[in-house]
Amino acid sequence: MKITLLQDILRSGGTERQSVLLAHAFAASGHQVQVITFRPGGTLSATLAPVPRRCLQPFDTGFNWLAPRLVATLRASAPDVVLCMGRMANCHAGRVKGALPDTVVIGTMRTGKKLPWSFRRSLRQVDHVVANSAESAGILVRDYRLTEKRVSVIHNALVFPPQGAIAVRDESLRRQHGAGPQTLVLLCVGMLRPEKNQRALIEIAAMLDTGINWQLWLAGEGDARAGCKETAKKMGVQDRVKFLGFQSDPTPLYHAADIAVLASKAESLSNFLIEAQAHGLPAVAYAAGGVAECIQNNVTGAVITADDATGFREALTHFAHSTERRTEAGRKAKAFARAAFDPARQAQAYLDLFTRLRSAR
């Protein structure tokens, strides 16, 4: 098959990582694959090679939605399947389907945010929509009135699948950030955006029992960084909150941390929680979107009612006071995440869907 993936820009977000992963997986299966991005550049650009990439904007305008000559470019390459990834690509999906009626055009629902009008319109025009969580699929059927037969659930795949057994905890990396053997390292990996709500994690950690020696590691960049730093200073914990910046591969952080934490307000499915658990970390997170599908509650970690800061602290305290609890939950988390989010299986699910939709035409 000739498969084209659409993406606005290859920034460092979860959807973009999935785009790169799928492009490589489809190509490895013998398909002719290309990625079309609206904007040039992007943090993940170098990770796409050798899969070919076309950029529509001749120079970076800074506008994610601007896709000049999109239809002409697609017509010239004549793909069998167009998979639209991310909000802006999906906003154009209806126009793509109208211009290429013989091509299978698939939209995706990978966000917990409210969808713009053009995105909602496209959902009704494309051949099929893939949701990355059952929660998102339910929203498509319940709120956006799609029929169930036009919606499939394919969970995100592990971008950084662990190799072999879980490594011994990386004490050297911990020491670099001033964490000793008894320090409880809480880890959150993700873009620093208001909806990711890292400020809440700082406030929760700051209110932990004084007997708990903790650090909070925030890996990622974004416009919420200044507000997070301000919150840490206000709470008097600026020395305990570590801003680690963008991580091209967060695997070393998983090997050094003790608990994965997430307080996001908008999360269709969390790549971070999946990856962290696959590396043996228990997880504590607020319930948002498909978070409950990422964690086996009270088995691999805890799913806390949104904004229940007391419940979040209690869950952290439960793990903080027992290395055995963390180890047991981490062991189960590793088995769960590696089985449920296997990259080969998820990529094959897409290819099977493509084949079925093409056969039905």
Protein backbone atom coordinates (compact mmCIF):
# COMPACT_ATOMS: atom_id res chain seq x y z
CA MET A 1 0.00 0.00 0.00
CA LYS A 2 0.97 3.62 -0.50
CA ILE A 3 0.40 5.26 2.88
CA THR A 4 0.64 8.97 3.70
CA LEU A 5 0.61 10.34 7.23
CA LEU A 6 -0.39 13.98 7.71
CA GLN A 7 1.03 16.01 10.61
CA ASP A 8 1.28 19.77 11.10
CA ILE A 9 4.84 19.76 12.53
CA LEU A 10 7.09 17.16 14.14
CA ARG A 11 7.21 18.73 17.59
CA SER A 12 8.00 16.65 20.67
CA GLY A 13 4.43 15.72 21.65
CA GLY A 14 2.91 12.28 22.05
CA THR A 15 0.96 12.37 18.79
CA GLU A 16 4.08 13.31 16.84
CA ARG A 17 6.02 10.45 18.42
CA GLN A 18 3.23 8.07 17.41
CA SER A 19 3.38 9.43 13.85
CA VAL A 20 7.09 8.68 13.60
CA LEU A 21 6.68 5.24 15.16
CA LEU A 22 3.86 4.26 12.81
CA ALA A 23 5.67 5.59 9.74
CA HIS A 24 8.67 3.40 10.52
CA ALA A 25 6.49 0.38 11.32
CA PHE A 26 4.50 0.66 8.09
CA ALA A 27 7.69 1.03 6.06
CA ALA A 28 9.25 -1.96 7.82
CA SER A 29 6.21 -4.01 6.78
CA GLY A 30 6.99 -3.32 3.14
CA HIS A 31 4.61 -0.46 2.42
CA GLN A 32 5.46 2.74 0.54
CA VAL A 33 5.24 5.44 3.21
CA GLN A 34 5.63 9.20 3.27
CA VAL A 35 4.95 11.84 5.91
CA ILE A 36 3.60 15.22 4.86
CA THR A 37 4.00 18.03 7.39
CA PHE A 38 2.59 21.51 7.08
CA ARG A 39 5.57 23.22 8.73
CA PRO A 40 9.26 22.41 8.26
CA GLY A 41 11.55 21.66 11.17
CA GLY A 42 10.42 20.25 14.48
CA THR A 43 12.22 18.50 17.32
CA LEU A 44 11.51 15.02 15.96
CA SER A 45 12.50 15.73 12.34
CA ALA A 46 15.76 13.84 12.57
CA THR A 47 14.05 10.72 13.92
CA LEU A 48 11.91 10.21 10.79
CA ALA A 49 14.71 9.19 8.37
CA PRO A 50 14.80 7.17 6.18
CA VAL A 51 11.03 7.61 5.75
CA PRO A 52 10.58 10.43 3.19
CA ARG A 53 9.00 13.70 4.29
CA ARG A 54 7.38 16.53 2.33
CA CYS A 55 6.95 19.99 3.89
CA LEU A 56 4.16 22.14 2.47
CA GLN A 57 5.28 25.53 3.80
CA PRO A 58 8.39 26.73 1.88
CA PHE A 59 9.55 28.38 5.10
CA ASP A 60 8.21 28.15 8.64
CA THR A 61 5.34 30.64 8.92
CA GLY A 62 4.62 29.63 12.51
CA PHE A 63 1.05 28.71 11.57
CA ASN A 64 0.15 25.09 12.32
CA TRP A 65 -3.02 25.22 10.24
CA LEU A 66 -1.49 26.54 7.00
CA ALA A 67 -1.18 23.71 4.44
CA PRO A 68 -0.48 25.22 0.99
CA ARG A 69 -0.89 22.85 -1.98
CA LEU A 70 -1.99 20.01 0.30
CA VAL A 71 -4.48 18.60 -2.18
CA ALA A 72 -2.14 18.99 -5.16
CA THR A 73 0.67 17.25 -3.28
CA LEU A 74 -1.58 14.35 -2.35
CA ARG A 75 -2.93 14.00 -5.86
CA ALA A 76 0.60 13.86 -7.24
CA SER A 77 1.60 11.03 -4.89
CA ALA A 78 -1.77 9.18 -5.23
CA PRO A 79 -1.78 7.38 -1.87
CA ASP A 80 -4.07 4.45 -1.15
CA VAL A 81 -4.49 5.59 2.44
CA VAL A 82 -4.17 8.97 4.17
CA LEU A 83 -3.90 8.85 7.96
CA CYS A 84 -4.47 12.23 9.60
CA MET A 85 -2.61 12.69 12.89
CA GLY A 86 -3.13 15.63 15.24
CA ARG A 87 -5.68 18.42 15.40
CA MET A 88 -4.63 20.49 12.40
CA ALA A 89 -4.27 17.51 10.07
CA ASN A 90 -7.73 16.35 11.08
CA CYS A 91 -9.16 19.81 10.45
CA HIS A 92 -8.09 19.36 6.81
CA ALA A 93 -9.22 15.72 6.59
CA GLY A 94 -12.68 16.48 5.20
CA ARG A 95 -11.21 18.61 2.41
CA VAL A 96 -8.75 15.83 1.60
CA LYS A 97 -11.54 13.27 1.35
CA GLY A 98 -13.59 15.54 -0.90
CA ALA A 99 -10.66 16.01 -3.26
CA LEU A 100 -9.56 12.34 -3.25
CA PRO A 101 -12.81 10.33 -3.18
CA ASP A 102 -11.07 7.08 -4.20
CA THR A 103 -8.52 7.30 -1.39
CA VAL A 104 -9.22 5.88 2.06
CA VAL A 105 -8.97 8.87 4.42
CA ILE A 106 -8.83 8.13 8.14
CA GLY A 107 -9.20 10.69 10.91
CA THR A 108 -7.93 10.24 14.44
CA MET A 109 -9.14 11.30 17.86
CA ARG A 110 -6.07 11.69 20.06
CA THR A 111 -6.95 14.64 22.28
CA GLY A 112 -8.94 15.41 25.39
CA LYS A 113 -9.50 19.00 24.28
CA LYS A 114 -12.68 20.36 22.73
CA LEU A 115 -12.60 19.90 18.97
CA PRO A 116 -12.77 22.90 16.61
CA TRP A 117 -15.58 23.13 14.07
CA SER A 118 -13.47 22.05 11.08
CA PHE A 119 -12.31 18.97 13.00
CA ARG A 120 -15.90 18.03 13.86
CA ARG A 121 -16.98 18.49 10.25
CA SER A 122 -14.13 16.28 9.03
CA LEU A 123 -15.21 13.51 11.37
CA ARG A 124 -18.44 13.20 9.37
CA GLN A 125 -16.65 13.23 6.01
CA VAL A 126 -13.75 10.80 6.38
CA ASP A 127 -14.07 7.05 5.80
CA HIS A 128 -13.25 6.08 9.37
CA VAL A 129 -11.97 7.49 12.66
CA VAL A 130 -9.42 5.85 14.98
CA ALA A 131 -9.63 6.79 18.66
CA ASN A 132 -6.64 6.05 20.87
CA SER A 133 -8.83 5.22 23.87
CA ALA A 134 -12.26 3.75 24.52
CA GLU A 135 -13.09 6.98 26.34
CA SER A 136 -12.42 9.00 23.19
CA ALA A 137 -14.38 6.53 21.07
CA GLY A 138 -17.33 7.00 23.39
CA ILE A 139 -17.10 10.77 22.94
CA LEU A 140 -17.13 10.33 19.15
CA VAL A 141 -20.31 8.26 19.31
CA ARG A 142 -22.07 10.08 22.13
CA ASP A 143 -21.16 13.71 21.54
CA TYR A 144 -20.28 13.85 17.84
CA ARG A 145 -22.92 11.37 16.64
CA LEU A 146 -20.66 9.00 14.72
CA THR A 147 -21.97 5.48 14.25
CA GLU A 148 -20.03 2.81 16.12
CA LYS A 149 -19.08 1.01 12.90
CA ARG A 150 -17.18 4.13 11.74
CA VAL A 151 -15.01 4.20 14.87
CA SER A 152 -12.17 1.91 15.96
CA VAL A 153 -10.04 1.95 19.10
CA ILE A 154 -6.30 1.47 18.66
CA HIS A 155 -4.32 2.43 21.73
CA ASN A 156 -1.02 4.26 21.54
CA ALA A 157 2.05 2.07 21.16
CA LEU A 158 5.17 2.09 23.29
CA VAL A 159 7.57 4.55 21.69
CA PHE A 160 10.51 3.42 23.83
CA PRO A 161 9.86 -0.27 24.56
CA PRO A 162 12.22 -1.59 27.23
CA GLN A 163 14.85 -4.07 26.13
CA GLY A 164 14.98 -7.13 28.36
CA ALA A 165 14.64 -6.91 32.12
CA ILE A 166 14.28 -3.65 34.00
CA ALA A 167 17.67 -2.17 34.77
CA VAL A 168 18.89 -1.53 38.28
CA ARG A 169 17.88 1.92 39.49
CA ASP A 170 20.23 4.55 38.09
CA GLU A 171 21.75 6.06 41.22
CA SER A 172 24.29 8.10 39.27
CA LEU A 173 21.60 10.11 37.50
CA ARG A 174 19.82 10.60 40.81
CA ARG A 175 23.00 11.95 42.37
CA GLN A 176 23.36 14.45 39.52
CA HIS A 177 20.12 16.03 40.70
CA GLY A 178 20.84 15.74 44.41
CA ALA A 179 18.63 12.71 45.08
CA GLY A 180 20.00 10.19 47.54
CA PRO A 181 19.14 6.48 47.88
CA GLN A 182 16.19 7.29 50.18
CA THR A 183 14.81 10.16 48.09
CA LEU A 184 11.40 9.49 46.54
CA VAL A 185 11.72 10.69 42.94
CA LEU A 186 8.40 11.60 41.32
CA LEU A 187 8.59 11.87 37.54
CA CYS A 188 6.39 13.60 34.97
CA VAL A 189 7.38 13.64 31.29
CA GLY A 190 5.43 15.85 28.91
CA MET A 191 5.19 19.27 27.35
CA LEU A 192 4.80 22.04 29.93
CA ARG A 193 1.37 23.32 29.00
CA PRO A 194 -1.48 24.64 31.16
CA GLU A 195 -3.71 21.65 30.39
CA LYS A 196 -0.96 19.27 31.52
CA ASN A 197 -1.34 20.85 34.97
CA GLN A 198 2.21 20.32 36.26
CA ARG A 199 1.61 23.14 38.74
CA ALA A 200 -0.82 20.86 40.57
CA LEU A 201 1.90 18.24 40.94
CA ILE A 202 4.15 20.81 42.57
CA GLU A 203 1.40 21.81 45.01
CA ILE A 204 0.60 18.17 45.83
CA ALA A 205 4.24 17.26 46.44
CA ALA A 206 4.79 20.36 48.56
CA MET A 207 2.04 19.19 50.93
CA LEU A 208 3.44 15.68 51.44
CA ASP A 209 4.31 14.69 54.99
CA THR A 210 7.53 16.30 56.15
CA GLY A 211 8.95 12.85 56.84
CA ILE A 212 9.02 12.06 53.11
CA ASN A 213 12.22 13.07 51.35
CA TRP A 214 11.02 13.75 47.80
CA GLN A 215 11.98 15.36 44.51
CA LEU A 216 9.72 16.12 41.55
CA TRP A 217 11.33 15.83 38.12
CA LEU A 218 9.53 17.64 35.29
CA ALA A 219 10.90 16.67 31.86
CA GLY A 220 9.69 18.79 28.96
CA GLU A 221 9.49 22.33 27.66
CA GLY A 222 6.59 24.69 27.07
CA ASP A 223 4.97 27.99 27.93
CA ALA A 224 3.85 26.79 31.38
CA ARG A 225 7.44 26.46 32.62
CA ALA A 226 7.59 29.98 34.09
CA GLY A 227 4.34 29.44 36.00
CA CYS A 228 5.59 26.13 37.35
CA LYS A 229 8.79 27.75 38.58
CA GLU A 230 6.79 30.50 40.21
CA THR A 231 4.60 27.95 41.99
CA ALA A 232 7.62 26.01 43.24
CA LYS A 233 9.15 29.20 44.63
CA LYS A 234 5.85 30.25 46.22
CA MET A 235 5.54 26.84 47.92
CA GLY A 236 9.17 27.00 49.08
CA VAL A 237 10.15 23.82 47.23
CA GLN A 238 12.18 25.26 44.35
CA ASP A 239 15.18 23.14 45.38
CA ARG A 240 13.12 19.94 45.17
CA VAL A 241 11.51 20.55 41.78
CA LYS A 242 13.89 19.78 38.91
CA PHE A 243 13.20 21.12 35.42
CA LEU A 244 15.00 18.72 33.09
CA GLY A 245 13.97 20.15 29.71
CA PHE A 246 13.09 18.21 26.59
CA GLN A 247 14.30 14.61 26.56
CA SER A 248 14.70 12.97 23.15
CA ASP A 249 14.66 9.63 24.95
CA PRO A 250 13.36 9.66 28.56
CA THR A 251 14.44 6.06 29.24
CA PRO A 252 17.23 7.05 31.67
CA LEU A 253 14.68 9.00 33.72
CA TYR A 254 12.45 5.94 34.02
CA HIS A 255 15.45 3.99 35.31
CA ALA A 256 16.14 6.63 37.95
CA ALA A 257 12.66 7.55 39.21
CA ASP A 258 10.36 5.83 41.71
CA ILE A 259 6.80 6.85 40.75
CA ALA A 260 5.24 8.25 37.57
CA VAL A 261 2.81 11.09 38.28
CA LEU A 262 0.33 12.92 36.06
CA ALA A 263 -2.24 15.61 36.88
CA SER A 264 -3.32 16.42 33.32
CA LYS A 265 -6.77 17.89 32.70
CA ALA A 266 -6.96 16.82 29.05
CA GLU A 267 -5.53 13.42 28.19
CA SER A 268 -6.98 11.08 25.59
CA LEU A 269 -4.32 8.48 26.36
CA SER A 270 -1.01 9.14 28.11
CA ASN A 271 2.11 7.95 26.30
CA PHE A 272 4.10 8.90 29.38
CA LEU A 273 2.13 6.66 31.75
CA ILE A 274 2.40 3.76 29.32
CA GLU A 275 6.16 4.18 28.89
CA ALA A 276 6.86 4.67 32.59
CA GLN A 277 4.94 1.56 33.58
CA ALA A 278 6.62 -0.49 30.86
CA HIS A 279 9.90 0.42 32.53
CA GLY A 280 8.63 -0.77 35.91
CA LEU A 281 7.31 2.39 37.57
CA PRO A 282 4.01 2.43 39.46
CA ALA A 283 1.82 5.35 38.42
CA VAL A 284 -0.46 7.82 40.19
CA ALA A 285 -2.63 10.06 38.03
CA TYR A 286 -5.79 12.11 37.98
CA ALA A 287 -8.65 10.58 36.01
CA ALA A 288 -8.85 12.43 32.69
CA GLY A 289 -9.99 11.02 29.37
CA GLY A 290 -8.40 7.62 28.83
CA VAL A 291 -6.03 7.70 31.82
CA ALA A 292 -8.00 4.87 33.46
CA GLU A 293 -7.13 2.73 30.42
CA CYS A 294 -3.41 3.33 31.02
CA ILE A 295 -3.36 2.16 34.65
CA GLN A 296 -4.77 -0.90 36.36
CA ASN A 297 -6.21 0.90 39.37
CA ASN A 298 -4.96 -0.42 42.71
CA VAL A 299 -2.76 -2.91 40.84
CA THR A 300 -0.17 -1.00 38.80
CA GLY A 301 -0.88 2.30 40.51
CA ALA A 302 -3.79 4.58 41.38
CA VAL A 303 -6.30 6.58 39.37
CA ILE A 304 -7.50 9.53 41.45
CA THR A 305 -10.68 11.53 40.97
CA ALA A 306 -9.81 14.77 39.18
CA ASP A 307 -8.73 17.58 41.50
CA ASP A 308 -8.74 15.34 44.60
CA ALA A 309 -5.37 16.54 45.85
CA THR A 310 -5.83 14.78 49.20
CA GLY A 311 -6.45 11.46 47.46
CA PHE A 312 -3.41 12.00 45.25
CA ARG A 313 -1.19 12.68 48.29
CA GLU A 314 -2.57 9.60 50.06
CA ALA A 315 -1.70 7.43 47.07
CA LEU A 316 1.83 8.84 46.96
CA THR A 317 2.22 8.32 50.69
CA HIS A 318 1.05 4.71 50.31
CA PHE A 319 3.96 4.05 47.95
CA ALA A 320 6.43 6.36 49.67
CA HIS A 321 6.54 4.35 52.87
CA SER A 322 7.06 0.94 51.27
CA THR A 323 9.72 -0.05 48.77
CA GLU A 324 8.00 -3.43 48.55
CA ARG A 325 4.72 -1.84 47.43
CA ARG A 326 6.50 0.14 44.74
CA THR A 327 8.41 -2.92 43.56
CA GLU A 328 5.31 -5.13 43.37
CA ALA A 329 3.19 -2.50 41.60
CA GLY A 330 6.09 -1.79 39.25
CA ARG A 331 6.44 -5.47 38.37
CA LYS A 332 2.76 -5.68 37.48
CA ALA A 333 2.92 -2.36 35.64
CA LYS A 334 5.78 -3.64 33.48
CA ALA A 335 3.84 -6.76 32.46
CA PHE A 336 0.61 -4.84 31.81
CA ALA A 337 2.10 -2.06 29.69
CA ARG A 338 4.36 -4.30 27.61
CA ALA A 339 1.45 -6.59 26.73
CA ALA A 340 -1.32 -4.02 26.21
CA PHE A 341 0.66 -1.43 24.19
CA ASP A 342 3.02 -3.58 22.13
CA PRO A 343 4.22 -1.53 19.12
CA ALA A 344 4.09 -4.38 16.60
CA ARG A 345 0.53 -5.26 17.54
CA GLN A 346 -0.69 -1.67 17.41
CA ALA A 347 0.91 -1.03 14.01
CA GLN A 348 -0.61 -4.23 12.64
CA ALA A 349 -4.03 -3.13 13.90
CA TYR A 350 -3.74 -0.03 11.69
CA LEU A 351 -2.62 -2.07 8.68
CA ASP A 352 -5.50 -4.52 9.16
CA LEU A 353 -7.92 -1.58 9.30
CA PHE A 354 -6.45 -0.08 6.12
CA THR A 355 -6.86 -3.41 4.31
CA ARG A 356 -10.43 -3.85 5.50
CA LEU A 357 -11.48 -0.33 4.48
CA ARG A 358 -9.87 -0.67 1.04
CA SER A 359 -11.54 -4.03 0.48
CA ALA A 360 -14.93 -2.57 1.38
CA ARG A 361 -14.74 0.08 -1.33
